[in-house]
């Protein structure tokens, strides 16, 4: 009986801890971006703005990367803090195919506001920010950085 109780307590503790992972908030369409959806994922958090030329150029690269890998998720964040219909319109105008967060994850990830755009943060599968990349990125370059970080 004691073994069964200890096993049950362990299971309940594990379930409680699993539920503690913080969700990322809603995307541009109001759909929740949950910790469970991003479990075992490396996440690229990309800050963009409509007025940023290099942002516009790198978006197709980020779209391709987001669609081509099961273990990598790209999440966008509008630098200007657009919300609602403005955010949807801006994301569509730029051809963004990945999810865009309606809530800036800077506090969650302990990020300071970047003075330049675009900037992409690489977050490992444990939720730790491993690197920040300033300037326009390519899918090939991002994959190379991810592979290097995974080996560390």
C-alpha atoms as a PDB file:
ATOM      1  CA  UNK A   1       0.000   0.000   0.000  1.00  0.00           C
ATOM      2  CA  UNK A   2       2.836   2.400   0.846  1.00  0.00           C
ATOM      3  CA  UNK A   3       4.582   1.743  -2.498  1.00  0.00           C
ATOM      4  CA  UNK A   4       1.336   2.467  -4.349  1.00  0.00           C
ATOM      5  CA  UNK A   5       0.840   5.748  -2.436  1.00  0.00           C
ATOM      6  CA  UNK A   6       4.406   6.881  -3.091  1.00  0.00           C
ATOM      7  CA  UNK A   7       4.023   6.018  -6.789  1.00  0.00           C
ATOM      8  CA  UNK A   8       0.754   7.923  -6.988  1.00  0.00           C
ATOM      9  CA  UNK A   9       2.276  10.951  -5.246  1.00  0.00           C
ATOM     10  CA  UNK A  10       5.191  10.906  -7.705  1.00  0.00           C
ATOM     11  CA  UNK A  11       2.808  10.753 -10.639  1.00  0.00           C
ATOM     12  CA  UNK A  12       0.732  13.633  -9.281  1.00  0.00           C
ATOM     13  CA  UNK A  13       3.866  15.723  -8.652  1.00  0.00           C
ATOM     14  CA  UNK A  14       5.072  15.078 -12.213  1.00  0.00           C
ATOM     15  CA  UNK A  15       1.721  16.097 -13.646  1.00  0.00           C
ATOM     16  CA  UNK A  16       1.673  19.248 -11.537  1.00  0.00           C
ATOM     17  CA  UNK A  17       5.168  20.233 -12.665  1.00  0.00           C
ATOM     18  CA  UNK A  18       4.323  19.537 -16.296  1.00  0.00           C
ATOM     19  CA  UNK A  19       1.428  21.961 -15.987  1.00  0.00           C
ATOM     20  CA  UNK A  20       3.751  24.681 -14.661  1.00  0.00           C
ATOM     21  CA  UNK A  21       5.328  25.456 -18.021  1.00  0.00           C
ATOM     22  CA  UNK A  22       4.231  28.924 -18.975  1.00  0.00           C
ATOM     23  CA  UNK A  23       2.204  29.421 -22.147  1.00  0.00           C
ATOM     24  CA  UNK A  24       3.373  32.006 -24.685  1.00  0.00           C
ATOM     25  CA  UNK A  25       0.026  33.825 -25.016  1.00  0.00           C
ATOM     26  CA  UNK A  26      -2.234  34.289 -28.034  1.00  0.00           C
ATOM     27  CA  UNK A  27      -1.087  34.549 -31.620  1.00  0.00           C
ATOM     28  CA  UNK A  28      -2.300  37.126 -34.135  1.00  0.00           C
ATOM     29  CA  UNK A  29      -5.555  35.187 -34.574  1.00  0.00           C
ATOM     30  CA  UNK A  30      -6.251  34.849 -30.851  1.00  0.00           C
ATOM     31  CA  UNK A  31      -5.237  31.169 -30.751  1.00  0.00           C
ATOM     32  CA  UNK A  32      -3.216  30.123 -27.706  1.00  0.00           C
ATOM     33  CA  UNK A  33       0.453  29.305 -28.216  1.00  0.00           C
ATOM     34  CA  UNK A  34       0.900  26.763 -25.456  1.00  0.00           C
ATOM     35  CA  UNK A  35       3.984  25.370 -23.794  1.00  0.00           C
ATOM     36  CA  UNK A  36       2.747  21.909 -24.749  1.00  0.00           C
ATOM     37  CA  UNK A  37       2.703  22.825 -28.476  1.00  0.00           C
ATOM     38  CA  UNK A  38       6.348  23.885 -28.186  1.00  0.00           C
ATOM     39  CA  UNK A  39       7.486  20.928 -26.116  1.00  0.00           C
ATOM     40  CA  UNK A  40      10.830  19.560 -27.387  1.00  0.00           C
ATOM     41  CA  UNK A  41      11.043  22.431 -29.891  1.00  0.00           C
ATOM     42  CA  UNK A  42      13.784  24.927 -30.498  1.00  0.00           C
ATOM     43  CA  UNK A  43      12.058  28.272 -30.920  1.00  0.00           C
ATOM     44  CA  UNK A  44      13.232  31.192 -33.025  1.00  0.00           C
ATOM     45  CA  UNK A  45      11.702  34.422 -31.734  1.00  0.00           C
ATOM     46  CA  UNK A  46      11.954  37.004 -34.500  1.00  0.00           C
ATOM     47  CA  UNK A  47      11.227  40.696 -33.953  1.00  0.00           C
ATOM     48  CA  UNK A  48      10.047  42.499 -37.102  1.00  0.00           C
ATOM     49  CA  UNK A  49       8.406  45.741 -38.222  1.00  0.00           C
ATOM     50  CA  UNK A  50       6.656  46.852 -41.403  1.00  0.00           C
ATOM     51  CA  UNK A  51       9.161  49.682 -41.938  1.00  0.00           C
ATOM     52  CA  UNK A  52      12.194  47.356 -41.643  1.00  0.00           C
ATOM     53  CA  UNK A  53      13.611  46.458 -45.069  1.00  0.00           C
ATOM     54  CA  UNK A  54      15.811  43.568 -43.882  1.00  0.00           C
ATOM     55  CA  UNK A  55      12.813  42.159 -41.965  1.00  0.00           C
ATOM     56  CA  UNK A  56      10.863  41.986 -45.213  1.00  0.00           C
ATOM     57  CA  UNK A  57      13.733  40.197 -46.942  1.00  0.00           C
ATOM     58  CA  UNK A  58      14.222  37.564 -44.236  1.00  0.00           C
ATOM     59  CA  UNK A  59      10.536  36.660 -43.775  1.00  0.00           C
ATOM     60  CA  UNK A  60      10.491  34.150 -46.680  1.00  0.00           C
ATOM     61  CA  UNK A  61      13.560  32.485 -45.129  1.00  0.00           C
ATOM     62  CA  UNK A  62      11.809  32.230 -41.753  1.00  0.00           C
ATOM     63  CA  UNK A  63       8.639  30.920 -43.421  1.00  0.00           C
ATOM     64  CA  UNK A  64      10.642  28.197 -45.182  1.00  0.00           C
ATOM     65  CA  UNK A  65      12.435  27.209 -41.985  1.00  0.00           C
ATOM     66  CA  UNK A  66       9.214  27.096 -39.963  1.00  0.00           C
ATOM     67  CA  UNK A  67       7.535  24.869 -42.557  1.00  0.00           C
ATOM     68  CA  UNK A  68      10.461  22.548 -43.186  1.00  0.00           C
ATOM     69  CA  UNK A  69      11.359  21.396 -39.673  1.00  0.00           C
ATOM     70  CA  UNK A  70       9.334  19.501 -37.080  1.00  0.00           C
ATOM     71  CA  UNK A  71      11.765  20.374 -34.296  1.00  0.00           C
ATOM     72  CA  UNK A  72      11.963  24.139 -34.908  1.00  0.00           C
ATOM     73  CA  UNK A  73       9.199  26.718 -34.511  1.00  0.00           C
ATOM     74  CA  UNK A  74       9.404  30.331 -35.598  1.00  0.00           C
ATOM     75  CA  UNK A  75       7.411  32.855 -33.590  1.00  0.00           C
ATOM     76  CA  UNK A  76       7.231  36.461 -34.688  1.00  0.00           C
ATOM     77  CA  UNK A  77       6.850  39.556 -32.530  1.00  0.00           C
ATOM     78  CA  UNK A  78       5.890  42.922 -33.956  1.00  0.00           C
ATOM     79  CA  UNK A  79       8.442  45.457 -32.736  1.00  0.00           C
ATOM     80  CA  UNK A  80       5.857  48.269 -32.747  1.00  0.00           C
ATOM     81  CA  UNK A  81       3.407  46.384 -30.532  1.00  0.00           C
ATOM     82  CA  UNK A  82       0.598  46.129 -33.090  1.00  0.00           C
ATOM     83  CA  UNK A  83      -2.474  44.268 -31.842  1.00  0.00           C
ATOM     84  CA  UNK A  84      -5.701  42.826 -33.217  1.00  0.00           C
ATOM     85  CA  UNK A  85      -6.633  43.608 -36.800  1.00  0.00           C
ATOM     86  CA  UNK A  86      -3.590  45.851 -37.261  1.00  0.00           C
ATOM     87  CA  UNK A  87      -1.300  42.952 -36.384  1.00  0.00           C
ATOM     88  CA  UNK A  88      -3.134  40.554 -38.698  1.00  0.00           C
ATOM     89  CA  UNK A  89      -3.054  43.061 -41.563  1.00  0.00           C
ATOM     90  CA  UNK A  90       0.664  43.807 -41.116  1.00  0.00           C
ATOM     91  CA  UNK A  91       1.596  40.119 -40.904  1.00  0.00           C
ATOM     92  CA  UNK A  92      -0.433  39.311 -44.014  1.00  0.00           C
ATOM     93  CA  UNK A  93       1.003  42.287 -45.922  1.00  0.00           C
ATOM     94  CA  UNK A  94       4.520  40.993 -45.232  1.00  0.00           C
ATOM     95  CA  UNK A  95       3.588  37.425 -46.151  1.00  0.00           C
ATOM     96  CA  UNK A  96       4.321  36.033 -42.703  1.00  0.00           C
ATOM     97  CA  UNK A  97       3.379  32.355 -42.606  1.00  0.00           C
ATOM     98  CA  UNK A  98       4.577  31.607 -39.072  1.00  0.00           C
ATOM     99  CA  UNK A  99       2.669  32.500 -35.925  1.00  0.00           C
ATOM    100  CA  UNK A 100       3.020  36.015 -34.539  1.00  0.00           C
ATOM    101  CA  UNK A 101       2.665  36.506 -30.811  1.00  0.00           C
ATOM    102  CA  UNK A 102       0.242  39.160 -29.616  1.00  0.00           C
ATOM    103  CA  UNK A 103       2.119  39.399 -26.327  1.00  0.00           C
ATOM    104  CA  UNK A 104       5.820  40.244 -26.367  1.00  0.00           C
ATOM    105  CA  UNK A 105       7.746  37.402 -24.642  1.00  0.00           C
ATOM    106  CA  UNK A 106      10.628  39.737 -23.656  1.00  0.00           C
ATOM    107  CA  UNK A 107       9.825  39.606 -19.958  1.00  0.00           C
ATOM    108  CA  UNK A 108       9.319  35.851 -20.000  1.00  0.00           C
ATOM    109  CA  UNK A 109      12.684  35.359 -21.752  1.00  0.00           C
ATOM    110  CA  UNK A 110      14.453  38.168 -19.843  1.00  0.00           C
ATOM    111  CA  UNK A 111      15.242  40.089 -23.040  1.00  0.00           C
ATOM    112  CA  UNK A 112      16.096  43.748 -23.214  1.00  0.00           C
ATOM    113  CA  UNK A 113      14.630  45.787 -26.068  1.00  0.00           C
ATOM    114  CA  UNK A 114      16.847  45.622 -29.130  1.00  0.00           C
ATOM    115  CA  UNK A 115      17.923  48.905 -30.691  1.00  0.00           C
ATOM    116  CA  UNK A 116      18.075  47.348 -34.163  1.00  0.00           C
ATOM    117  CA  UNK A 117      15.964  45.105 -36.358  1.00  0.00           C
ATOM    118  CA  UNK A 118      15.627  42.411 -37.298  1.00  0.00           C
ATOM    119  CA  UNK A 119      16.737  40.434 -34.285  1.00  0.00           C
ATOM    120  CA  UNK A 120      16.191  36.721 -33.767  1.00  0.00           C
ATOM    121  CA  UNK A 121      16.580  34.902 -30.461  1.00  0.00           C
ATOM    122  CA  UNK A 122      17.296  31.177 -30.411  1.00  0.00           C
ATOM    123  CA  UNK A 123      15.532  29.471 -27.505  1.00  0.00           C
ATOM    124  CA  UNK A 124      16.415  25.854 -26.766  1.00  0.00           C
ATOM    125  CA  UNK A 125      13.977  23.058 -25.950  1.00  0.00           C
ATOM    126  CA  UNK A 126      14.277  23.847 -22.219  1.00  0.00           C
ATOM    127  CA  UNK A 127      13.180  27.464 -22.740  1.00  0.00           C
ATOM    128  CA  UNK A 128      16.643  29.012 -22.322  1.00  0.00           C
ATOM    129  CA  UNK A 129      17.730  31.800 -24.677  1.00  0.00           C
ATOM    130  CA  UNK A 130      20.942  30.516 -26.203  1.00  0.00           C
ATOM    131  CA  UNK A 131      21.802  33.249 -28.682  1.00  0.00           C
ATOM    132  CA  UNK A 132      20.657  36.502 -30.254  1.00  0.00           C
ATOM    133  CA  UNK A 133      21.285  37.171 -33.922  1.00  0.00           C
ATOM    134  CA  UNK A 134      21.100  40.761 -35.116  1.00  0.00           C
ATOM    135  CA  UNK A 135      20.418  41.491 -38.755  1.00  0.00           C
ATOM    136  CA  UNK A 136      18.902  39.610 -41.641  1.00  0.00           C
ATOM    137  CA  UNK A 137      19.131  35.817 -41.361  1.00  0.00           C
ATOM    138  CA  UNK A 138      18.835  32.981 -43.860  1.00  0.00           C
ATOM    139  CA  UNK A 139      17.283  29.577 -43.241  1.00  0.00           C
ATOM    140  CA  UNK A 140      20.628  27.945 -44.001  1.00  0.00           C
ATOM    141  CA  UNK A 141      22.476  30.181 -41.551  1.00  0.00           C
ATOM    142  CA  UNK A 142      19.900  29.642 -38.815  1.00  0.00           C
ATOM    143  CA  UNK A 143      20.052  25.868 -39.259  1.00  0.00           C
ATOM    144  CA  UNK A 144      23.846  25.977 -39.004  1.00  0.00           C
ATOM    145  CA  UNK A 145      23.610  27.978 -35.736  1.00  0.00           C
ATOM    146  CA  UNK A 146      20.995  25.571 -34.358  1.00  0.00           C
ATOM    147  CA  UNK A 147      23.169  22.548 -35.116  1.00  0.00           C
ATOM    148  CA  UNK A 148      26.185  24.165 -33.476  1.00  0.00           C
ATOM    149  CA  UNK A 149      24.176  25.065 -30.365  1.00  0.00           C
ATOM    150  CA  UNK A 150      22.710  21.570 -30.122  1.00  0.00           C
ATOM    151  CA  UNK A 151      26.215  20.112 -30.012  1.00  0.00           C
ATOM    152  CA  UNK A 152      27.260  22.323 -27.075  1.00  0.00           C
END
